[in-house]
Structure formats: C-alpha cells, structure tokens
Amino acid sequence: MQLYYDVLSFPVVASGLFSDGALVNFAGAQVLADDAPVAGIAMHPATEVGMPITAMGLGIATLTASGVVGAGNRVVSAAAGGVKAAGADPANVLGFALTPAADGLGVKVLFMPR
C-alpha cells in the first residue's frame, strides 16, 4: 500500500486495470509512455474497468524509478511505468524527485504537473 500526501485529489473512471501508484491519463488509463501527459497518480487500484478511483493531482507520493533518479531531478513518465529523470527538453514534467533512487526502487516525488 502506498502512502500519499495529497493536496488535491479528484475522481477518475478507470478505462483499464492498474495498481495504486500508477500514473493515469485524462482518459482513466495507465500511462506507459515516456514523457506523456499525466492527470494524476492512482491512489487506489483499478480492479474493474469503469470503476471510480481517486487520483492525486498535487502532493507527494513514492513512485517507481525507471533508471537512476537523483534528488532534485525533474521527472517525467516512463514507458516501463513510474518515473524517470527528465531529459534536456521535457514536454510533460511531473514534478521533482525529493530522494535519490536506483532503477526499480521507490523515489519520493513532489507531484506537481505543469
């Protein structure tokens, strides 16, 4: 189970299945693409298509790092799920890493998409 510090949350109708902590898009599906637009972080698992879940739109959450992420790095969505350090010219920055993390480990992220 994830631990969230949400400042803003909102309901999303799941259009696919995903676990809590998944990045979700505006259509209610899990984001599995590099540097893609993200509406929020699923605060609950979606176990059925069409079920309502709560998404965090602003706050702090621990997400899975894809590759090495340093504290202070800007982060974007990763194709493997989770987040990765942003490149030189990211289109969809999700926020900032508050802690460092190795590939596959948890990174605490200040989630504030622009």
N, C-alpha and C. Protein backbone atom coordinates (compact mmCIF):
# COMPACT_ATOMS: atom_id res chain seq x y z
N MET A 1 0.83 -1.18 0.00
CA MET A 1 0.00 0.00 0.00
C MET A 1 0.88 1.25 0.00
N GLN A 2 0.52 2.19 -0.83
CA GLN A 2 1.24 3.44 -0.95
C GLN A 2 0.87 4.40 0.18
N LEU A 3 1.73 5.36 0.44
CA LEU A 3 1.43 6.43 1.37
C LEU A 3 1.47 7.73 0.58
N TYR A 4 0.38 8.47 0.61
CA TYR A 4 0.26 9.69 -0.17
C TYR A 4 0.06 10.87 0.76
N TYR A 5 0.60 12.02 0.36
CA TYR A 5 0.33 13.29 1.00
C TYR A 5 -0.32 14.14 -0.08
N ASP A 6 -1.63 14.04 -0.19
CA ASP A 6 -2.29 14.74 -1.29
C ASP A 6 -2.82 16.10 -0.85
N VAL A 7 -2.63 17.06 -1.73
CA VAL A 7 -3.13 18.40 -1.54
C VAL A 7 -4.40 18.56 -2.36
N LEU A 8 -4.45 17.89 -3.50
CA LEU A 8 -5.60 17.94 -4.39
C LEU A 8 -5.83 16.55 -4.96
N SER A 9 -7.04 16.05 -4.82
CA SER A 9 -7.39 14.77 -5.44
C SER A 9 -8.73 14.92 -6.14
N PHE A 10 -8.98 14.00 -7.07
CA PHE A 10 -10.21 14.07 -7.86
C PHE A 10 -10.58 12.67 -8.34
N PRO A 11 -11.87 12.46 -8.66
CA PRO A 11 -12.29 11.14 -9.13
C PRO A 11 -11.95 10.90 -10.59
N VAL A 12 -11.63 9.66 -10.92
CA VAL A 12 -11.34 9.24 -12.28
C VAL A 12 -12.08 7.91 -12.51
N VAL A 13 -12.67 7.75 -13.67
CA VAL A 13 -13.30 6.48 -14.03
C VAL A 13 -12.25 5.67 -14.79
N ALA A 14 -11.90 4.51 -14.27
CA ALA A 14 -10.85 3.68 -14.86
C ALA A 14 -11.29 3.11 -16.21
N SER A 15 -10.47 3.31 -17.22
CA SER A 15 -10.73 2.72 -18.54
C SER A 15 -9.84 1.50 -18.78
N GLY A 16 -9.08 1.13 -17.77
CA GLY A 16 -8.21 -0.04 -17.81
C GLY A 16 -7.90 -0.46 -16.39
N LEU A 17 -7.13 -1.53 -16.24
CA LEU A 17 -6.75 -2.02 -14.92
C LEU A 17 -5.35 -1.52 -14.57
N PHE A 18 -5.16 -1.14 -13.33
CA PHE A 18 -3.85 -0.69 -12.86
C PHE A 18 -3.82 -0.74 -11.34
N SER A 19 -2.62 -0.67 -10.79
CA SER A 19 -2.44 -0.72 -9.34
C SER A 19 -2.39 0.68 -8.77
N ASP A 20 -2.45 0.77 -7.44
CA ASP A 20 -2.29 2.08 -6.82
C ASP A 20 -0.86 2.55 -7.07
N GLY A 21 -0.69 3.83 -7.19
CA GLY A 21 0.61 4.39 -7.51
C GLY A 21 0.87 4.53 -9.00
N ALA A 22 -0.05 4.03 -9.84
CA ALA A 22 0.11 4.15 -11.30
C ALA A 22 -0.16 5.59 -11.74
N LEU A 23 0.58 6.02 -12.73
CA LEU A 23 0.29 7.31 -13.35
C LEU A 23 -0.89 7.10 -14.29
N VAL A 24 -1.89 7.96 -14.21
CA VAL A 24 -3.08 7.82 -15.06
C VAL A 24 -3.26 9.07 -15.92
N ASN A 25 -3.81 8.84 -17.12
CA ASN A 25 -4.05 9.97 -18.03
C ASN A 25 -5.47 10.50 -17.87
N PHE A 26 -5.83 11.45 -18.69
CA PHE A 26 -7.12 12.11 -18.58
C PHE A 26 -8.28 11.20 -19.02
N ALA A 27 -7.97 10.09 -19.68
CA ALA A 27 -8.99 9.12 -20.10
C ALA A 27 -9.16 7.99 -19.10
N GLY A 28 -8.41 8.02 -17.99
CA GLY A 28 -8.53 6.99 -16.97
C GLY A 28 -7.72 5.74 -17.22
N ALA A 29 -6.72 5.82 -18.09
CA ALA A 29 -5.86 4.68 -18.39
C ALA A 29 -4.46 4.90 -17.81
N GLN A 30 -3.76 3.81 -17.54
CA GLN A 30 -2.40 3.92 -17.04
C GLN A 30 -1.49 4.48 -18.11
N VAL A 31 -0.60 5.37 -17.72
CA VAL A 31 0.37 5.97 -18.64
C VAL A 31 1.59 5.05 -18.71
N LEU A 32 1.88 4.57 -19.91
CA LEU A 32 3.04 3.70 -20.15
C LEU A 32 3.81 4.21 -21.36
N ALA A 33 4.15 5.49 -21.33
CA ALA A 33 4.93 6.12 -22.40
C ALA A 33 5.87 7.13 -21.78
N ASP A 34 7.02 7.32 -22.43
CA ASP A 34 7.98 8.31 -21.95
C ASP A 34 7.44 9.72 -22.15
N ASP A 35 7.59 10.55 -21.11
CA ASP A 35 7.27 11.98 -21.17
C ASP A 35 5.87 12.25 -21.72
N ALA A 36 4.88 11.50 -21.22
CA ALA A 36 3.49 11.64 -21.66
C ALA A 36 2.71 12.51 -20.67
N PRO A 37 1.61 13.11 -21.13
CA PRO A 37 0.76 13.87 -20.20
C PRO A 37 0.16 12.94 -19.14
N VAL A 38 0.14 13.42 -17.91
CA VAL A 38 -0.39 12.65 -16.79
C VAL A 38 -1.39 13.52 -16.04
N ALA A 39 -2.57 12.96 -15.76
CA ALA A 39 -3.58 13.69 -14.99
C ALA A 39 -3.31 13.58 -13.50
N GLY A 40 -2.90 12.38 -13.05
CA GLY A 40 -2.68 12.18 -11.63
C GLY A 40 -2.09 10.82 -11.32
N ILE A 41 -2.00 10.54 -10.04
CA ILE A 41 -1.47 9.28 -9.53
C ILE A 41 -2.64 8.53 -8.89
N ALA A 42 -2.85 7.29 -9.31
CA ALA A 42 -3.94 6.48 -8.76
C ALA A 42 -3.68 6.22 -7.28
N MET A 43 -4.63 6.59 -6.44
CA MET A 43 -4.48 6.38 -5.01
C MET A 43 -5.08 5.04 -4.57
N HIS A 44 -5.74 4.38 -5.51
CA HIS A 44 -6.34 3.07 -5.26
C HIS A 44 -6.18 2.23 -6.53
N PRO A 45 -6.15 0.92 -6.42
CA PRO A 45 -6.07 0.10 -7.63
C PRO A 45 -7.39 0.10 -8.38
N ALA A 46 -7.30 0.00 -9.70
CA ALA A 46 -8.49 -0.17 -10.54
C ALA A 46 -8.56 -1.65 -10.88
N THR A 47 -9.49 -2.35 -10.28
CA THR A 47 -9.62 -3.79 -10.47
C THR A 47 -10.70 -4.14 -11.47
N GLU A 48 -11.47 -3.15 -11.90
CA GLU A 48 -12.51 -3.34 -12.91
C GLU A 48 -12.56 -2.11 -13.81
N VAL A 49 -12.79 -2.31 -15.08
CA VAL A 49 -12.98 -1.19 -16.00
C VAL A 49 -14.29 -0.52 -15.62
N GLY A 50 -14.28 0.80 -15.58
CA GLY A 50 -15.47 1.57 -15.25
C GLY A 50 -15.61 1.93 -13.78
N MET A 51 -14.74 1.38 -12.95
CA MET A 51 -14.86 1.70 -11.53
C MET A 51 -14.26 3.07 -11.23
N PRO A 52 -14.85 3.81 -10.30
CA PRO A 52 -14.29 5.10 -9.93
C PRO A 52 -13.11 4.91 -8.97
N ILE A 53 -12.06 5.67 -9.18
CA ILE A 53 -10.91 5.67 -8.28
C ILE A 53 -10.57 7.12 -7.98
N THR A 54 -9.75 7.33 -6.99
CA THR A 54 -9.29 8.66 -6.65
C THR A 54 -7.89 8.84 -7.19
N ALA A 55 -7.65 9.97 -7.85
CA ALA A 55 -6.31 10.29 -8.36
C ALA A 55 -5.79 11.53 -7.64
N MET A 56 -4.52 11.51 -7.33
CA MET A 56 -3.88 12.66 -6.71
C MET A 56 -3.38 13.59 -7.81
N GLY A 57 -3.78 14.84 -7.76
CA GLY A 57 -3.36 15.81 -8.76
C GLY A 57 -2.24 16.72 -8.29
N LEU A 58 -1.99 16.74 -6.98
CA LEU A 58 -0.95 17.57 -6.40
C LEU A 58 -0.59 17.01 -5.04
N GLY A 59 0.69 16.77 -4.78
CA GLY A 59 1.10 16.25 -3.49
C GLY A 59 2.42 15.51 -3.56
N ILE A 60 2.64 14.62 -2.60
CA ILE A 60 3.87 13.83 -2.52
C ILE A 60 3.51 12.35 -2.53
N ALA A 61 4.21 11.57 -3.35
CA ALA A 61 3.97 10.13 -3.43
C ALA A 61 5.30 9.43 -3.73
N THR A 62 5.38 8.17 -3.35
CA THR A 62 6.54 7.35 -3.69
C THR A 62 6.19 6.56 -4.94
N LEU A 63 6.98 6.76 -6.00
CA LEU A 63 6.76 6.11 -7.29
C LEU A 63 7.98 5.26 -7.62
N THR A 64 7.86 4.40 -8.62
CA THR A 64 8.98 3.54 -9.02
C THR A 64 9.87 4.27 -10.01
N ALA A 65 11.18 4.25 -9.73
CA ALA A 65 12.15 4.89 -10.62
C ALA A 65 12.48 3.97 -11.78
N SER A 66 12.50 4.53 -12.97
CA SER A 66 12.94 3.81 -14.17
C SER A 66 14.29 4.42 -14.54
N GLY A 67 15.35 3.73 -14.21
CA GLY A 67 16.68 4.30 -14.35
C GLY A 67 17.05 5.02 -13.05
N VAL A 68 18.24 5.56 -13.02
CA VAL A 68 18.71 6.28 -11.83
C VAL A 68 18.08 7.67 -11.80
N VAL A 69 17.54 8.04 -10.64
CA VAL A 69 16.95 9.36 -10.45
C VAL A 69 17.66 9.99 -9.25
N GLY A 70 18.14 11.20 -9.43
CA GLY A 70 18.81 11.92 -8.36
C GLY A 70 17.86 12.87 -7.65
N ALA A 71 18.11 13.12 -6.37
CA ALA A 71 17.31 14.08 -5.64
C ALA A 71 17.41 15.44 -6.33
N GLY A 72 16.27 16.07 -6.55
CA GLY A 72 16.23 17.36 -7.23
C GLY A 72 16.00 17.27 -8.72
N ASN A 73 16.14 16.07 -9.30
CA ASN A 73 15.88 15.90 -10.74
C ASN A 73 14.41 16.19 -11.05
N ARG A 74 14.17 16.83 -12.18
CA ARG A 74 12.81 16.90 -12.70
C ARG A 74 12.49 15.50 -13.21
N VAL A 75 11.24 15.06 -13.06
CA VAL A 75 10.86 13.73 -13.50
C VAL A 75 9.71 13.78 -14.49
N VAL A 76 9.67 12.75 -15.36
CA VAL A 76 8.61 12.59 -16.36
C VAL A 76 8.16 11.13 -16.30
N SER A 77 7.06 10.82 -16.97
CA SER A 77 6.58 9.44 -17.02
C SER A 77 7.57 8.57 -17.78
N ALA A 78 7.57 7.28 -17.45
CA ALA A 78 8.47 6.32 -18.09
C ALA A 78 7.65 5.24 -18.78
N ALA A 79 8.14 4.74 -19.90
CA ALA A 79 7.44 3.70 -20.66
C ALA A 79 7.26 2.43 -19.84
N ALA A 80 8.14 2.18 -18.90
CA ALA A 80 8.05 0.97 -18.07
C ALA A 80 7.09 1.18 -16.89
N GLY A 81 6.45 2.33 -16.82
CA GLY A 81 5.64 2.68 -15.66
C GLY A 81 6.51 3.47 -14.70
N GLY A 82 5.94 4.23 -13.83
CA GLY A 82 6.72 5.02 -12.89
C GLY A 82 7.29 6.25 -13.55
N VAL A 83 8.42 6.72 -13.01
CA VAL A 83 9.02 7.97 -13.48
C VAL A 83 10.50 7.78 -13.79
N LYS A 84 11.02 8.71 -14.58
CA LYS A 84 12.45 8.73 -14.88
C LYS A 84 12.91 10.17 -14.87
N ALA A 85 14.23 10.36 -14.76
CA ALA A 85 14.79 11.71 -14.80
C ALA A 85 14.48 12.33 -16.15
N ALA A 86 14.08 13.58 -16.14
CA ALA A 86 13.73 14.28 -17.37
C ALA A 86 14.98 14.55 -18.20
N GLY A 87 14.82 14.52 -19.51
CA GLY A 87 15.91 14.85 -20.43
C GLY A 87 16.09 16.36 -20.53
N ALA A 88 16.79 16.79 -21.57
CA ALA A 88 17.14 18.19 -21.74
C ALA A 88 15.93 19.09 -22.02
N ASP A 89 14.94 18.60 -22.75
CA ASP A 89 13.79 19.43 -23.12
C ASP A 89 12.49 18.65 -22.93
N PRO A 90 12.10 18.37 -21.68
CA PRO A 90 10.89 17.56 -21.46
C PRO A 90 9.62 18.33 -21.77
N ALA A 91 8.62 17.63 -22.25
CA ALA A 91 7.34 18.26 -22.58
C ALA A 91 6.36 18.20 -21.43
N ASN A 92 6.47 17.18 -20.57
CA ASN A 92 5.46 16.94 -19.54
C ASN A 92 6.10 16.65 -18.18
N VAL A 93 6.75 17.63 -17.60
CA VAL A 93 7.37 17.44 -16.29
C VAL A 93 6.28 17.19 -15.25
N LEU A 94 6.48 16.13 -14.44
CA LEU A 94 5.50 15.77 -13.42
C LEU A 94 5.82 16.37 -12.07
N GLY A 95 7.06 16.74 -11.87
CA GLY A 95 7.47 17.30 -10.59
C GLY A 95 8.94 17.07 -10.36
N PHE A 96 9.32 16.94 -9.08
CA PHE A 96 10.73 16.83 -8.71
C PHE A 96 10.93 15.65 -7.76
N ALA A 97 12.06 14.98 -7.93
CA ALA A 97 12.43 13.89 -7.02
C ALA A 97 12.91 14.51 -5.71
N LEU A 98 12.36 14.07 -4.61
CA LEU A 98 12.80 14.56 -3.30
C LEU A 98 13.88 13.68 -2.71
N THR A 99 14.00 12.44 -3.23
CA THR A 99 15.01 11.49 -2.76
C THR A 99 15.67 10.86 -3.98
N PRO A 100 16.90 10.37 -3.84
CA PRO A 100 17.52 9.63 -4.95
C PRO A 100 16.99 8.20 -4.99
N ALA A 101 17.08 7.57 -6.15
CA ALA A 101 16.66 6.16 -6.27
C ALA A 101 17.38 5.49 -7.42
N ALA A 102 17.69 4.23 -7.23
CA ALA A 102 18.23 3.39 -8.30
C ALA A 102 17.07 2.82 -9.10
N ASP A 103 17.38 2.28 -10.26
CA ASP A 103 16.37 1.69 -11.14
C ASP A 103 15.53 0.65 -10.39
N GLY A 104 14.21 0.79 -10.49
CA GLY A 104 13.30 -0.17 -9.89
C GLY A 104 12.95 0.08 -8.44
N LEU A 105 13.57 1.07 -7.83
CA LEU A 105 13.30 1.36 -6.42
C LEU A 105 12.36 2.56 -6.29
N GLY A 106 11.89 2.79 -5.08
CA GLY A 106 10.96 3.89 -4.82
C GLY A 106 11.67 5.23 -4.74
N VAL A 107 11.08 6.22 -5.38
CA VAL A 107 11.57 7.58 -5.32
C VAL A 107 10.42 8.47 -4.85
N LYS A 108 10.67 9.26 -3.83
CA LYS A 108 9.65 10.17 -3.32
C LYS A 108 9.61 11.38 -4.25
N VAL A 109 8.41 11.67 -4.78
CA VAL A 109 8.24 12.72 -5.79
C VAL A 109 7.27 13.78 -5.30
N LEU A 110 7.66 15.04 -5.45
CA LEU A 110 6.75 16.16 -5.29
C LEU A 110 6.00 16.26 -6.62
N PHE A 111 4.76 15.76 -6.65
CA PHE A 111 3.98 15.67 -7.87
C PHE A 111 3.23 16.97 -8.07
N MET A 112 3.64 17.70 -9.09
CA MET A 112 3.02 18.98 -9.45
C MET A 112 3.16 19.18 -10.96
N PRO A 113 2.36 18.45 -11.72
CA PRO A 113 2.50 18.51 -13.19
C PRO A 113 2.24 19.91 -13.71
N ARG A 114 2.94 20.22 -14.80
CA ARG A 114 2.72 21.54 -15.40
C ARG A 114 1.94 21.41 -16.67
